[in-house]
Amino acid sequence: MNNVDRNFQLSVACLATIIVFIGLYTQSLQKMVVTYFIGMLGIIGVLSPDWESFDQSVSQWCNPLKVDNLTFESDTSTRFRFYPVRVAIFTIVYGFVLYKWWMFISSE
């Protein structure tokens, strides 16, 4: 089993635990379903992207990749490079979604 599969299984298990706690806390099937869909979209958004495409400057995301640009290394230490704009975009999007989700969960 590779790391992506292991991370996906761990993420889904954590999401299931969160859904159970939300169900016990709110006693609402609707809030549990919304939590499931928001959580799965979050997991897919982090684990599924074509990281070869996104692992470059944000200004290059819309440009097609050339075979020369692809690296076929097995080294995972360079898989996720730090780009401040990408981190800012992910932080803003995921922060806003988590804020809206929490407002929905905490409402009566």
Protein backbone atom coordinates (compact mmCIF):
# COMPACT_ATOMS: atom_id res chain seq x y z
CA MET A 1 0.00 0.00 0.00
CA ASN A 2 1.49 3.35 -0.98
CA ASN A 3 1.46 6.58 1.00
CA VAL A 4 -1.43 8.16 -0.92
CA ASP A 5 -3.72 5.21 -0.17
CA ARG A 6 -2.67 5.16 3.46
CA ASN A 7 -3.24 8.92 3.79
CA PHE A 8 -6.64 8.62 2.11
CA GLN A 9 -7.72 5.83 4.47
CA LEU A 10 -6.53 7.76 7.51
CA SER A 11 -8.31 10.91 6.32
CA VAL A 12 -11.59 9.07 5.72
CA ALA A 13 -11.34 7.39 9.14
CA CYS A 14 -10.82 10.80 10.80
CA LEU A 15 -13.75 12.19 8.82
CA ALA A 16 -15.95 9.31 9.99
CA THR A 17 -15.01 10.08 13.60
CA ILE A 18 -15.86 13.77 13.10
CA ILE A 19 -19.20 12.83 11.52
CA VAL A 20 -20.07 10.62 14.52
CA PHE A 21 -19.24 13.45 16.94
CA ILE A 22 -21.28 15.94 14.87
CA GLY A 23 -24.21 13.51 14.90
CA LEU A 24 -24.00 13.07 18.67
CA TYR A 25 -23.59 16.81 19.27
CA THR A 26 -26.31 18.11 16.91
CA GLN A 27 -28.68 15.14 16.60
CA SER A 28 -29.12 16.19 12.95
CA LEU A 29 -28.79 13.87 9.97
CA GLN A 30 -28.64 16.89 7.65
CA LYS A 31 -25.59 18.31 9.45
CA MET A 32 -23.92 14.90 9.33
CA VAL A 33 -24.48 14.65 5.56
CA VAL A 34 -23.17 18.19 4.98
CA THR A 35 -20.12 17.36 7.11
CA TYR A 36 -19.53 14.24 5.02
CA PHE A 37 -19.68 16.11 1.70
CA ILE A 38 -17.55 19.04 2.90
CA GLY A 39 -15.01 16.62 4.38
CA MET A 40 -14.80 14.47 1.26
CA LEU A 41 -14.37 17.54 -0.95
CA GLY A 42 -11.60 18.72 1.36
CA ILE A 43 -9.86 15.35 1.30
CA ILE A 44 -10.15 15.10 -2.47
CA GLY A 45 -8.91 18.67 -2.86
CA VAL A 46 -5.76 17.92 -0.90
CA LEU A 47 -4.95 14.36 -1.99
CA SER A 48 -6.18 14.16 -5.58
CA PRO A 49 -4.68 17.05 -7.55
CA ASP A 50 -2.12 16.33 -10.20
CA TRP A 51 0.78 17.54 -8.08
CA GLU A 52 3.13 17.55 -11.06
CA SER A 53 0.92 20.26 -12.53
CA PHE A 54 0.41 22.22 -9.30
CA ASP A 55 3.98 21.77 -8.07
CA GLN A 56 5.15 24.86 -9.91
CA SER A 57 4.65 28.58 -9.72
CA VAL A 58 0.98 29.66 -9.62
CA SER A 59 1.47 31.67 -12.81
CA GLN A 60 2.22 28.39 -14.63
CA TRP A 61 -0.83 26.40 -13.43
CA CYS A 62 -2.87 27.01 -16.59
CA ASN A 63 -0.02 26.16 -18.96
CA PRO A 64 0.19 22.57 -20.18
CA LEU A 65 3.12 20.55 -18.90
CA LYS A 66 5.80 19.39 -21.29
CA VAL A 67 7.38 15.98 -20.95
CA ASP A 68 10.72 17.71 -20.29
CA ASN A 69 9.24 19.41 -17.20
CA LEU A 70 8.01 16.18 -15.61
CA THR A 71 10.22 14.59 -13.03
CA PHE A 72 9.87 10.90 -12.43
CA GLU A 73 11.72 10.79 -9.15
CA SER A 74 10.61 8.56 -6.33
CA ASP A 75 11.94 11.05 -3.80
CA THR A 76 8.93 12.34 -1.83
CA SER A 77 10.90 15.05 -0.05
CA THR A 78 10.66 17.25 -3.15
CA ARG A 79 7.09 16.30 -4.00
CA PHE A 80 5.48 19.26 -2.26
CA ARG A 81 7.47 22.40 -2.82
CA PHE A 82 6.58 25.48 -0.82
CA TYR A 83 5.02 28.26 -2.89
CA PRO A 84 3.63 31.10 -0.74
CA VAL A 85 0.87 32.03 -3.22
CA ARG A 86 -0.37 28.43 -3.41
CA VAL A 87 -0.37 28.14 0.38
CA ALA A 88 -2.25 31.45 0.64
CA ILE A 89 -4.87 30.33 -1.90
CA PHE A 90 -5.40 26.98 -0.14
CA THR A 91 -5.53 28.69 3.27
CA ILE A 92 -8.12 31.24 2.14
CA VAL A 93 -10.35 28.69 0.40
CA TYR A 94 -10.19 26.04 3.13
CA GLY A 95 -10.47 28.64 5.89
CA PHE A 96 -13.61 30.14 4.34
CA VAL A 97 -15.19 26.70 3.85
CA LEU A 98 -14.38 25.67 7.43
CA TYR A 99 -15.81 28.95 8.75
CA LYS A 100 -19.07 28.47 6.78
CA TRP A 101 -19.27 24.83 7.88
CA TRP A 102 -18.80 25.77 11.54
CA MET A 103 -21.48 28.48 11.28
CA PHE A 104 -23.85 25.86 9.82
CA ILE A 105 -23.02 23.26 12.48
CA SER A 106 -23.29 25.68 15.41
CA SER A 107 -26.62 27.15 14.27
CA GLU A 108 -29.79 25.76 15.80
